[in-house]
Amino acid sequence: AHYVRDALEVIQCVGDHRVAYHCGYNQDSIG
């Protein structure tokens, strides 16, 4: 996913303009 957040912080794992594999239809969406 592009971002993951807990109570302390958010971490980015994929650039916004790259497809992340977070749902069945991933294109043009930020997970």
PDB file of all heavy atoms in Angstrom:
ATOM      1  N   ALA A   1       0.866  -1.174   0.000  1.00  0.00           N
ATOM      2  CA  ALA A   1       0.000   0.000   0.000  1.00  0.00           C
ATOM      3  C   ALA A   1       0.899   1.219   0.000  1.00  0.00           C
ATOM      4  O   ALA A   1       2.085   1.135   0.308  1.00  0.00           O
ATOM      5  CB  ALA A   1      -0.932   0.009   1.214  1.00  0.00           C
ATOM      6  N   HIS A   2       0.335   2.346  -0.349  1.00  0.00           N
ATOM      7  CA  HIS A   2       1.135   3.572  -0.380  1.00  0.00           C
ATOM      8  C   HIS A   2       1.464   4.059   1.026  1.00  0.00           C
ATOM      9  O   HIS A   2       2.592   4.494   1.291  1.00  0.00           O
ATOM     10  CB  HIS A   2       0.396   4.664  -1.159  1.00  0.00           C
ATOM     11  CG  HIS A   2       0.225   4.330  -2.609  1.00  0.00           C
ATOM     12  ND1 HIS A   2      -0.838   3.589  -3.069  1.00  0.00           N
ATOM     13  CD2 HIS A   2       0.993   4.625  -3.684  1.00  0.00           C
ATOM     14  CE1 HIS A   2      -0.719   3.446  -4.389  1.00  0.00           C
ATOM     15  NE2 HIS A   2       0.377   4.065  -4.780  1.00  0.00           N
ATOM     16  N   TYR A   3       0.489   3.983   1.922  1.00  0.00           N
ATOM     17  CA  TYR A   3       0.664   4.488   3.287  1.00  0.00           C
ATOM     18  C   TYR A   3       0.091   3.487   4.283  1.00  0.00           C
ATOM     19  O   TYR A   3      -0.910   2.821   4.011  1.00  0.00           O
ATOM     20  CB  TYR A   3      -0.061   5.827   3.474  1.00  0.00           C
ATOM     21  CG  TYR A   3       0.394   6.929   2.565  1.00  0.00           C
ATOM     22  CD1 TYR A   3      -0.177   7.095   1.306  1.00  0.00           C
ATOM     23  CD2 TYR A   3       1.402   7.823   2.956  1.00  0.00           C
ATOM     24  CE1 TYR A   3       0.253   8.112   0.456  1.00  0.00           C
ATOM     25  CE2 TYR A   3       1.832   8.842   2.108  1.00  0.00           C
ATOM     26  CZ  TYR A   3       1.248   8.976   0.863  1.00  0.00           C
ATOM     27  OH  TYR A   3       1.669   9.984   0.018  1.00  0.00           O
ATOM     28  N   VAL A   4       0.717   3.420   5.466  1.00  0.00           N
ATOM     29  CA  VAL A   4       0.181   2.627   6.568  1.00  0.00           C
ATOM     30  C   VAL A   4       0.374   3.441   7.842  1.00  0.00           C
ATOM     31  O   VAL A   4       1.445   3.979   8.088  1.00  0.00           O
ATOM     32  CB  VAL A   4       0.846   1.234   6.652  1.00  0.00           C
ATOM     33  CG1 VAL A   4       2.357   1.333   6.773  1.00  0.00           C
ATOM     34  CG2 VAL A   4       0.267   0.412   7.797  1.00  0.00           C
ATOM     35  N   ARG A   5      -0.681   3.531   8.648  1.00  0.00           N
ATOM     36  CA  ARG A   5      -0.660   4.408   9.837  1.00  0.00           C
ATOM     37  C   ARG A   5      -1.102   3.669  11.081  1.00  0.00           C
ATOM     38  O   ARG A   5      -2.093   2.931  11.072  1.00  0.00           O
ATOM     39  CB  ARG A   5      -1.571   5.625   9.618  1.00  0.00           C
ATOM     40  CG  ARG A   5      -1.659   6.533  10.849  1.00  0.00           C
ATOM     41  CD  ARG A   5      -2.479   7.766  10.620  1.00  0.00           C
ATOM     42  NE  ARG A   5      -1.722   8.841   9.976  1.00  0.00           N
ATOM     43  CZ  ARG A   5      -0.854   9.635  10.604  1.00  0.00           C
ATOM     44  NH1 ARG A   5      -0.616   9.474  11.898  1.00  0.00           N
ATOM     45  NH2 ARG A   5      -0.231  10.603   9.952  1.00  0.00           N
ATOM     46  N   ASP A   6      -0.351   3.909  12.176  1.00  0.00           N
ATOM     47  CA  ASP A   6      -0.780   3.466  13.498  1.00  0.00           C
ATOM     48  C   ASP A   6      -0.992   4.712  14.363  1.00  0.00           C
ATOM     49  O   ASP A   6      -1.051   5.837  13.861  1.00  0.00           O
ATOM     50  CB  ASP A   6       0.217   2.493  14.124  1.00  0.00           C
ATOM     51  CG  ASP A   6       1.614   3.078  14.333  1.00  0.00           C
ATOM     52  OD1 ASP A   6       1.753   4.312  14.462  1.00  0.00           O
ATOM     53  OD2 ASP A   6       2.595   2.292  14.373  1.00  0.00           O
ATOM     54  N   ALA A   7      -1.095   4.518  15.677  1.00  0.00           N
ATOM     55  CA  ALA A   7      -1.383   5.640  16.558  1.00  0.00           C
ATOM     56  C   ALA A   7      -0.224   6.620  16.688  1.00  0.00           C
ATOM     57  O   ALA A   7      -0.411   7.760  17.111  1.00  0.00           O
ATOM     58  CB  ALA A   7      -1.773   5.122  17.940  1.00  0.00           C
ATOM     59  N   LEU A   8       0.972   6.184  16.313  1.00  0.00           N
ATOM     60  CA  LEU A   8       2.152   7.030  16.467  1.00  0.00           C
ATOM     61  C   LEU A   8       2.574   7.731  15.187  1.00  0.00           C
ATOM     62  O   LEU A   8       2.942   8.897  15.205  1.00  0.00           O
ATOM     63  CB  LEU A   8       3.327   6.178  16.973  1.00  0.00           C
ATOM     64  CG  LEU A   8       4.680   6.888  17.099  1.00  0.00           C
ATOM     65  CD1 LEU A   8       4.607   7.958  18.187  1.00  0.00           C
ATOM     66  CD2 LEU A   8       5.783   5.874  17.391  1.00  0.00           C
ATOM     67  N   GLU A   9       2.523   7.034  14.047  1.00  0.00           N
ATOM     68  CA  GLU A   9       3.128   7.559  12.828  1.00  0.00           C
ATOM     69  C   GLU A   9       2.504   6.950  11.582  1.00  0.00           C
ATOM     70  O   GLU A   9       1.766   5.958  11.643  1.00  0.00           O
ATOM     71  CB  GLU A   9       4.630   7.264  12.820  1.00  0.00           C
ATOM     72  CG  GLU A   9       4.944   5.764  12.839  1.00  0.00           C
ATOM     73  CD  GLU A   9       6.429   5.464  12.952  1.00  0.00           C
ATOM     74  OE1 GLU A   9       7.241   6.391  12.748  1.00  0.00           O
ATOM     75  OE2 GLU A   9       6.766   4.303  13.236  1.00  0.00           O
ATOM     76  N   VAL A  10       2.834   7.579  10.459  1.00  0.00           N
ATOM     77  CA  VAL A  10       2.480   7.033   9.152  1.00  0.00           C
ATOM     78  C   VAL A  10       3.778   6.766   8.402  1.00  0.00           C
ATOM     79  O   VAL A  10       4.733   7.531   8.492  1.00  0.00           O
ATOM     80  CB  VAL A  10       1.562   7.994   8.364  1.00  0.00           C
ATOM     81  CG1 VAL A  10       2.235   9.335   8.091  1.00  0.00           C
ATOM     82  CG2 VAL A  10       1.114   7.353   7.049  1.00  0.00           C
ATOM     83  N   ILE A  11       3.816   5.644   7.688  1.00  0.00           N
ATOM     84  CA  ILE A  11       4.961   5.274   6.866  1.00  0.00           C
ATOM     85  C   ILE A  11       4.489   5.162   5.423  1.00  0.00           C
ATOM     86  O   ILE A  11       3.426   4.590   5.158  1.00  0.00           O
ATOM     87  CB  ILE A  11       5.564   3.921   7.299  1.00  0.00           C
ATOM     88  CG1 ILE A  11       5.976   3.944   8.784  1.00  0.00           C
ATOM     89  CG2 ILE A  11       6.754   3.553   6.407  1.00  0.00           C
ATOM     90  CD1 ILE A  11       7.124   4.858   9.110  1.00  0.00           C
ATOM     91  N   GLN A  12       5.268   5.713   4.509  1.00  0.00           N
ATOM     92  CA  GLN A  12       4.959   5.551   3.097  1.00  0.00           C
ATOM     93  C   GLN A  12       5.801   4.414   2.530  1.00  0.00           C
ATOM     94  O   GLN A  12       6.989   4.291   2.835  1.00  0.00           O
ATOM     95  CB  GLN A  12       5.227   6.832   2.307  1.00  0.00           C
ATOM     96  CG  GLN A  12       4.774   6.738   0.855  1.00  0.00           C
ATOM     97  CD  GLN A  12       4.820   8.070   0.120  1.00  0.00           C
ATOM     98  OE1 GLN A  12       5.319   9.065   0.652  1.00  0.00           O
ATOM     99  NE2 GLN A  12       4.289   8.096  -1.091  1.00  0.00           N
ATOM    100  N   CYS A  13       5.174   3.586   1.697  1.00  0.00           N
ATOM    101  CA  CYS A  13       5.847   2.393   1.174  1.00  0.00           C
ATOM    102  C   CYS A  13       5.913   2.343  -0.345  1.00  0.00           C
ATOM    103  O   CYS A  13       6.702   1.572  -0.902  1.00  0.00           O
ATOM    104  CB  CYS A  13       5.149   1.136   1.681  1.00  0.00           C
ATOM    105  SG  CYS A  13       5.063   1.035   3.481  1.00  0.00           S
ATOM    106  N   VAL A  14       5.103   3.125  -1.017  1.00  0.00           N
ATOM    107  CA  VAL A  14       5.094   3.208  -2.475  1.00  0.00           C
ATOM    108  C   VAL A  14       4.852   4.672  -2.838  1.00  0.00           C
ATOM    109  O   VAL A  14       4.033   5.349  -2.214  1.00  0.00           O
ATOM    110  CB  VAL A  14       3.979   2.323  -3.087  1.00  0.00           C
ATOM    111  CG1 VAL A  14       3.943   2.466  -4.614  1.00  0.00           C
ATOM    112  CG2 VAL A  14       4.173   0.860  -2.702  1.00  0.00           C
ATOM    113  N   GLY A  15       5.571   5.177  -3.842  1.00  0.00           N
ATOM    114  CA  GLY A  15       5.347   6.545  -4.298  1.00  0.00           C
ATOM    115  C   GLY A  15       3.940   6.716  -4.852  1.00  0.00           C
ATOM    116  O   GLY A  15       3.363   5.781  -5.435  1.00  0.00           O
ATOM    117  N   ASP A  16       3.379   7.901  -4.693  1.00  0.00           N
ATOM    118  CA  ASP A  16       1.991   8.126  -5.093  1.00  0.00           C
ATOM    119  C   ASP A  16       1.736   7.833  -6.567  1.00  0.00           C
ATOM    120  O   ASP A  16       0.622   7.443  -6.944  1.00  0.00           O
ATOM    121  CB  ASP A  16       1.588   9.581  -4.805  1.00  0.00           C
ATOM    122  CG  ASP A  16       1.575   9.918  -3.333  1.00  0.00           C
ATOM    123  OD1 ASP A  16       1.639   8.990  -2.500  1.00  0.00           O
ATOM    124  OD2 ASP A  16       1.514  11.123  -3.005  1.00  0.00           O
ATOM    125  N   HIS A  17       2.726   8.047  -7.396  1.00  0.00           N
ATOM    126  CA  HIS A  17       2.557   7.862  -8.846  1.00  0.00           C
ATOM    127  C   HIS A  17       2.985   6.481  -9.316  1.00  0.00           C
ATOM    128  O   HIS A  17       3.175   6.266 -10.517  1.00  0.00           O
ATOM    129  CB  HIS A  17       3.295   8.963  -9.603  1.00  0.00           C
ATOM    130  CG  HIS A  17       2.704  10.317  -9.370  1.00  0.00           C
ATOM    131  ND1 HIS A  17       1.573  10.764 -10.003  1.00  0.00           N
ATOM    132  CD2 HIS A  17       3.061  11.308  -8.513  1.00  0.00           C
ATOM    133  CE1 HIS A  17       1.267  11.981  -9.577  1.00  0.00           C
ATOM    134  NE2 HIS A  17       2.163  12.332  -8.672  1.00  0.00           N
ATOM    135  N   ARG A  18       3.133   5.560  -8.360  1.00  0.00           N
ATOM    136  CA  ARG A  18       3.352   4.155  -8.669  1.00  0.00           C
ATOM    137  C   ARG A  18       2.142   3.344  -8.195  1.00  0.00           C
ATOM    138  O   ARG A  18       1.547   3.649  -7.156  1.00  0.00           O
ATOM    139  CB  ARG A  18       4.593   3.631  -7.944  1.00  0.00           C
ATOM    140  CG  ARG A  18       5.889   4.052  -8.565  1.00  0.00           C
ATOM    141  CD  ARG A  18       6.271   3.112  -9.685  1.00  0.00           C
ATOM    142  NE  ARG A  18       7.532   3.490 -10.276  1.00  0.00           N
ATOM    143  CZ  ARG A  18       8.035   2.904 -11.351  1.00  0.00           C
ATOM    144  NH1 ARG A  18       7.370   1.934 -11.935  1.00  0.00           N
ATOM    145  NH2 ARG A  18       9.193   3.286 -11.844  1.00  0.00           N
ATOM    146  N   VAL A  19       1.800   2.321  -8.938  1.00  0.00           N
ATOM    147  CA  VAL A  19       0.720   1.428  -8.533  1.00  0.00           C
ATOM    148  C   VAL A  19       1.178   0.583  -7.345  1.00  0.00           C
ATOM    149  O   VAL A  19       2.266   0.004  -7.365  1.00  0.00           O
ATOM    150  CB  VAL A  19       0.305   0.503  -9.696  1.00  0.00           C
ATOM    151  CG1 VAL A  19      -0.686  -0.562  -9.223  1.00  0.00           C
ATOM    152  CG2 VAL A  19      -0.307   1.319 -10.836  1.00  0.00           C
ATOM    153  N   ALA A  20       0.361   0.536  -6.306  1.00  0.00           N
ATOM    154  CA  ALA A  20       0.573  -0.386  -5.185  1.00  0.00           C
ATOM    155  C   ALA A  20      -0.457  -1.500  -5.295  1.00  0.00           C
ATOM    156  O   ALA A  20      -1.551  -1.304  -5.842  1.00  0.00           O
ATOM    157  CB  ALA A  20       0.441   0.343  -3.850  1.00  0.00           C
ATOM    158  N   TYR A  21      -0.146  -2.657  -4.738  1.00  0.00           N
ATOM    159  CA  TYR A  21      -1.019  -3.822  -4.861  1.00  0.00           C
ATOM    160  C   TYR A  21      -1.864  -3.966  -3.599  1.00  0.00           C
ATOM    161  O   TYR A  21      -1.577  -4.782  -2.727  1.00  0.00           O
ATOM    162  CB  TYR A  21      -0.181  -5.065  -5.121  1.00  0.00           C
ATOM    163  CG  TYR A  21       0.625  -4.985  -6.400  1.00  0.00           C
ATOM    164  CD1 TYR A  21       1.924  -5.484  -6.463  1.00  0.00           C
ATOM    165  CD2 TYR A  21       0.091  -4.392  -7.547  1.00  0.00           C
ATOM    166  CE1 TYR A  21       2.663  -5.404  -7.640  1.00  0.00           C
ATOM    167  CE2 TYR A  21       0.819  -4.304  -8.724  1.00  0.00           C
ATOM    168  CZ  TYR A  21       2.102  -4.817  -8.759  1.00  0.00           C
ATOM    169  OH  TYR A  21       2.825  -4.742  -9.921  1.00  0.00           O
ATOM    170  N   HIS A  22      -2.886  -3.157  -3.508  1.00  0.00           N
ATOM    171  CA  HIS A  22      -3.675  -3.083  -2.279  1.00  0.00           C
ATOM    172  C   HIS A  22      -5.112  -3.538  -2.436  1.00  0.00           C
ATOM    173  O   HIS A  22      -5.814  -3.738  -1.439  1.00  0.00           O
ATOM    174  CB  HIS A  22      -3.642  -1.654  -1.716  1.00  0.00           C
ATOM    175  CG  HIS A  22      -4.156  -0.612  -2.671  1.00  0.00           C
ATOM    176  ND1 HIS A  22      -5.452  -0.162  -2.650  1.00  0.00           N
ATOM    177  CD2 HIS A  22      -3.538   0.058  -3.681  1.00  0.00           C
ATOM    178  CE1 HIS A  22      -5.610   0.758  -3.593  1.00  0.00           C
ATOM    179  NE2 HIS A  22      -4.466   0.906  -4.236  1.00  0.00           N
ATOM    180  N   CYS A  23      -5.607  -3.676  -3.661  1.00  0.00           N
ATOM    181  CA  CYS A  23      -6.971  -4.155  -3.868  1.00  0.00           C
ATOM    182  C   CYS A  23      -7.052  -4.775  -5.260  1.00  0.00           C
ATOM    183  O   CYS A  23      -6.096  -4.731  -6.032  1.00  0.00           O
ATOM    184  CB  CYS A  23      -8.008  -3.054  -3.680  1.00  0.00           C
ATOM    185  SG  CYS A  23      -7.914  -1.670  -4.830  1.00  0.00           S
ATOM    186  N   GLY A  24      -8.174  -5.350  -5.599  1.00  0.00           N
ATOM    187  CA  GLY A  24      -8.280  -6.045  -6.872  1.00  0.00           C
ATOM    188  C   GLY A  24      -8.084  -5.153  -8.077  1.00  0.00           C
ATOM    189  O   GLY A  24      -7.542  -5.575  -9.096  1.00  0.00           O
ATOM    190  N   TYR A  25      -8.528  -3.890  -7.977  1.00  0.00           N
ATOM    191  CA  TYR A  25      -8.347  -2.928  -9.058  1.00  0.00           C
ATOM    192  C   TYR A  25      -7.501  -1.792  -8.495  1.00  0.00           C
ATOM    193  O   TYR A  25      -7.993  -0.927  -7.772  1.00  0.00           O
ATOM    194  CB  TYR A  25      -9.702  -2.397  -9.543  1.00  0.00           C
ATOM    195  CG  TYR A  25      -9.593  -1.552 -10.794  1.00  0.00           C
ATOM    196  CD1 TYR A  25      -9.666  -2.125 -12.058  1.00  0.00           C
ATOM    197  CD2 TYR A  25      -9.406  -0.172 -10.710  1.00  0.00           C
ATOM    198  CE1 TYR A  25      -9.564  -1.355 -13.210  1.00  0.00           C
ATOM    199  CE2 TYR A  25      -9.296   0.603 -11.853  1.00  0.00           C
ATOM    200  CZ  TYR A  25      -9.376   0.016 -13.090  1.00  0.00           C
ATOM    201  OH  TYR A  25      -9.275   0.777 -14.225  1.00  0.00           O
ATOM    202  N   ASN A  26      -6.216  -1.792  -8.834  1.00  0.00           N
ATOM    203  CA  ASN A  26      -5.259  -0.905  -8.172  1.00  0.00           C
ATOM    204  C   ASN A  26      -4.941   0.379  -8.932  1.00  0.00           C
ATOM    205  O   ASN A  26      -4.469   1.347  -8.326  1.00  0.00           O
ATOM    206  CB  ASN A  26      -3.944  -1.667  -7.955  1.00  0.00           C
ATOM    207  CG  ASN A  26      -4.119  -2.890  -7.082  1.00  0.00           C
ATOM    208  OD1 ASN A  26      -4.551  -2.794  -5.949  1.00  0.00           O
ATOM    209  ND2 ASN A  26      -3.791  -4.053  -7.626  1.00  0.00           N
ATOM    210  N   GLN A  27      -5.145   0.386 -10.232  1.00  0.00           N
ATOM    211  CA  GLN A  27      -4.686   1.488 -11.060  1.00  0.00           C
ATOM    212  C   GLN A  27      -5.315   2.817 -10.654  1.00  0.00           C
ATOM    213  O   GLN A  27      -6.522   2.901 -10.410  1.00  0.00           O
ATOM    214  CB  GLN A  27      -5.016   1.201 -12.537  1.00  0.00           C
ATOM    215  CG  GLN A  27      -4.436   2.196 -13.531  1.00  0.00           C
ATOM    216  CD  GLN A  27      -2.909   2.131 -13.595  1.00  0.00           C
ATOM    217  OE1 GLN A  27      -2.336   1.047 -13.582  1.00  0.00           O
ATOM    218  NE2 GLN A  27      -2.266   3.277 -13.662  1.00  0.00           N
ATOM    219  N   ASP A  28      -4.483   3.848 -10.579  1.00  0.00           N
ATOM    220  CA  ASP A  28      -4.918   5.234 -10.344  1.00  0.00           C
ATOM    221  C   ASP A  28      -5.540   5.447  -8.964  1.00  0.00           C
ATOM    222  O   ASP A  28      -6.321   6.383  -8.774  1.00  0.00           O
ATOM    223  CB  ASP A  28      -5.885   5.711 -11.440  1.00  0.00           C
ATOM    224  CG  ASP A  28      -5.228   5.737 -12.812  1.00  0.00           C
ATOM    225  OD1 ASP A  28      -3.991   5.857 -12.875  1.00  0.00           O
ATOM    226  OD2 ASP A  28      -5.942   5.631 -13.821  1.00  0.00           O
ATOM    227  N   SER A  29      -5.186   4.601  -8.008  1.00  0.00           N
ATOM    228  CA  SER A  29      -5.692   4.787  -6.642  1.00  0.00           C
ATOM    229  C   SER A  29      -4.548   4.697  -5.648  1.00  0.00           C
ATOM    230  O   SER A  29      -3.550   4.016  -5.885  1.00  0.00           O
ATOM    231  CB  SER A  29      -6.760   3.739  -6.310  1.00  0.00           C
ATOM    232  OG  SER A  29      -6.207   2.435  -6.302  1.00  0.00           O
ATOM    233  N   ILE A  30      -4.704   5.393  -4.548  1.00  0.00           N
ATOM    234  CA  ILE A  30      -3.727   5.372  -3.463  1.00  0.00           C
ATOM    235  C   ILE A  30      -4.282   4.522  -2.322  1.00  0.00           C
ATOM    236  O   ILE A  30      -5.378   4.782  -1.812  1.00  0.00           O
ATOM    237  CB  ILE A  30      -3.424   6.796  -2.976  1.00  0.00           C
ATOM    238  CG1 ILE A  30      -2.652   7.553  -4.068  1.00  0.00           C
ATOM    239  CG2 ILE A  30      -2.638   6.787  -1.670  1.00  0.00           C
ATOM    240  CD1 ILE A  30      -2.388   8.993  -3.761  1.00  0.00           C
ATOM    241  N   GLY A  31      -3.540   3.490  -1.952  1.00  0.00           N
ATOM    242  CA  GLY A  31      -3.963   2.624  -0.868  1.00  0.00           C
ATOM    243  C   GLY A  31      -3.498   3.164   0.476  1.00  0.00           C
ATOM    244  O   GLY A  31      -2.311   3.437   0.665  1.00  0.00           O
TER     245      GLY A  31
END
